[in-house]
Amino acid sequence: MRRGDVTVIITNPHEGDISVGLLSRLLRQAGVSREEWLGE
């Protein structure tokens, strides 16, 4: 996942959906707000 100069590697060894908790942590690391992610 990329945003500007920030790149976050999303590891998913199970090859399925990621959990809400993991998504929240990844978005926080990338500096993406919940509203931005949801397009609000």
N, C-alpha and C. Protein backbone atom coordinates (compact mmCIF):
# COMPACT_ATOMS: atom_id res chain seq x y z
N MET A 1 0.86 -1.14 0.00
CA MET A 1 0.00 0.00 0.00
C MET A 1 0.92 1.21 0.00
N ARG A 2 0.60 2.19 -0.85
CA ARG A 2 1.41 3.40 -0.93
C ARG A 2 0.56 4.64 -0.77
N ARG A 3 1.17 5.62 -0.13
CA ARG A 3 0.55 6.95 -0.02
C ARG A 3 1.68 7.95 -0.01
N GLY A 4 1.82 8.68 -1.08
CA GLY A 4 2.93 9.64 -1.17
C GLY A 4 4.25 8.93 -1.06
N ASP A 5 5.05 9.36 -0.09
CA ASP A 5 6.37 8.76 0.13
C ASP A 5 6.33 7.54 1.03
N VAL A 6 5.17 7.23 1.59
CA VAL A 6 5.05 6.14 2.56
C VAL A 6 4.62 4.85 1.85
N THR A 7 5.37 3.79 2.06
CA THR A 7 5.02 2.47 1.56
C THR A 7 4.88 1.53 2.74
N VAL A 8 3.76 0.83 2.82
CA VAL A 8 3.53 -0.13 3.88
C VAL A 8 3.38 -1.50 3.24
N ILE A 9 4.20 -2.43 3.66
CA ILE A 9 4.13 -3.80 3.16
C ILE A 9 3.04 -4.53 3.94
N ILE A 10 2.09 -5.08 3.23
CA ILE A 10 1.01 -5.82 3.89
C ILE A 10 1.32 -7.31 3.76
N THR A 11 1.70 -7.88 4.89
CA THR A 11 1.98 -9.31 4.89
C THR A 11 0.68 -10.06 5.16
N ASN A 12 0.48 -11.11 4.43
CA ASN A 12 -0.73 -11.90 4.63
C ASN A 12 -0.41 -13.37 4.31
N PRO A 13 0.18 -14.06 5.28
CA PRO A 13 0.59 -15.44 5.03
C PRO A 13 -0.59 -16.39 4.81
N HIS A 14 -1.79 -15.97 5.17
CA HIS A 14 -2.94 -16.86 5.03
C HIS A 14 -3.66 -16.70 3.70
N GLU A 15 -3.25 -15.71 2.91
CA GLU A 15 -3.80 -15.47 1.58
C GLU A 15 -5.31 -15.26 1.58
N GLY A 16 -5.85 -14.74 2.65
CA GLY A 16 -7.28 -14.45 2.73
C GLY A 16 -7.48 -13.01 3.16
N ASP A 17 -8.65 -12.72 3.67
CA ASP A 17 -8.95 -11.38 4.16
C ASP A 17 -8.12 -11.08 5.40
N ILE A 18 -7.77 -9.81 5.58
CA ILE A 18 -7.06 -9.40 6.78
C ILE A 18 -8.08 -8.94 7.82
N SER A 19 -7.68 -8.96 9.08
CA SER A 19 -8.60 -8.58 10.15
C SER A 19 -8.75 -7.06 10.21
N VAL A 20 -9.81 -6.62 10.86
CA VAL A 20 -10.05 -5.19 11.05
C VAL A 20 -8.90 -4.57 11.85
N GLY A 21 -8.43 -5.31 12.86
CA GLY A 21 -7.33 -4.81 13.69
C GLY A 21 -6.07 -4.58 12.88
N LEU A 22 -5.73 -5.54 12.02
CA LEU A 22 -4.54 -5.40 11.18
C LEU A 22 -4.71 -4.24 10.21
N LEU A 23 -5.87 -4.12 9.61
CA LEU A 23 -6.13 -3.01 8.70
C LEU A 23 -5.98 -1.68 9.43
N SER A 24 -6.51 -1.58 10.63
CA SER A 24 -6.40 -0.35 11.42
C SER A 24 -4.94 0.01 11.69
N ARG A 25 -4.14 -0.99 12.06
CA ARG A 25 -2.72 -0.73 12.33
C ARG A 25 -2.00 -0.29 11.06
N LEU A 26 -2.30 -0.91 9.94
CA LEU A 26 -1.65 -0.55 8.68
C LEU A 26 -2.02 0.87 8.26
N LEU A 27 -3.29 1.21 8.39
CA LEU A 27 -3.72 2.56 8.02
C LEU A 27 -3.08 3.60 8.92
N ARG A 28 -2.99 3.30 10.22
CA ARG A 28 -2.35 4.22 11.16
C ARG A 28 -0.89 4.44 10.78
N GLN A 29 -0.18 3.36 10.44
CA GLN A 29 1.23 3.48 10.04
C GLN A 29 1.38 4.32 8.78
N ALA A 30 0.41 4.19 7.87
CA ALA A 30 0.47 4.92 6.60
C ALA A 30 -0.06 6.34 6.73
N GLY A 31 -0.63 6.68 7.89
CA GLY A 31 -1.17 8.01 8.08
C GLY A 31 -2.48 8.25 7.35
N VAL A 32 -3.25 7.19 7.16
CA VAL A 32 -4.54 7.29 6.47
C VAL A 32 -5.65 7.23 7.52
N SER A 33 -6.52 8.23 7.49
CA SER A 33 -7.62 8.25 8.46
C SER A 33 -8.72 7.30 8.03
N ARG A 34 -9.57 6.96 8.99
CA ARG A 34 -10.72 6.09 8.71
C ARG A 34 -11.60 6.74 7.64
N GLU A 35 -11.81 8.07 7.76
CA GLU A 35 -12.65 8.79 6.81
C GLU A 35 -12.06 8.75 5.41
N GLU A 36 -10.74 8.92 5.30
CA GLU A 36 -10.08 8.84 3.99
C GLU A 36 -10.28 7.46 3.39
N TRP A 37 -10.07 6.43 4.20
CA TRP A 37 -10.16 5.06 3.71
C TRP A 37 -11.56 4.75 3.20
N LEU A 38 -12.56 5.25 3.94
CA LEU A 38 -13.95 4.98 3.57
C LEU A 38 -14.50 5.97 2.55
N GLY A 39 -13.72 6.99 2.23
CA GLY A 39 -14.16 7.97 1.24
C GLY A 39 -15.22 8.92 1.77
N GLU A 40 -15.22 9.15 3.06
CA GLU A 40 -16.22 10.02 3.68
C GLU A 40 -15.78 11.46 3.63
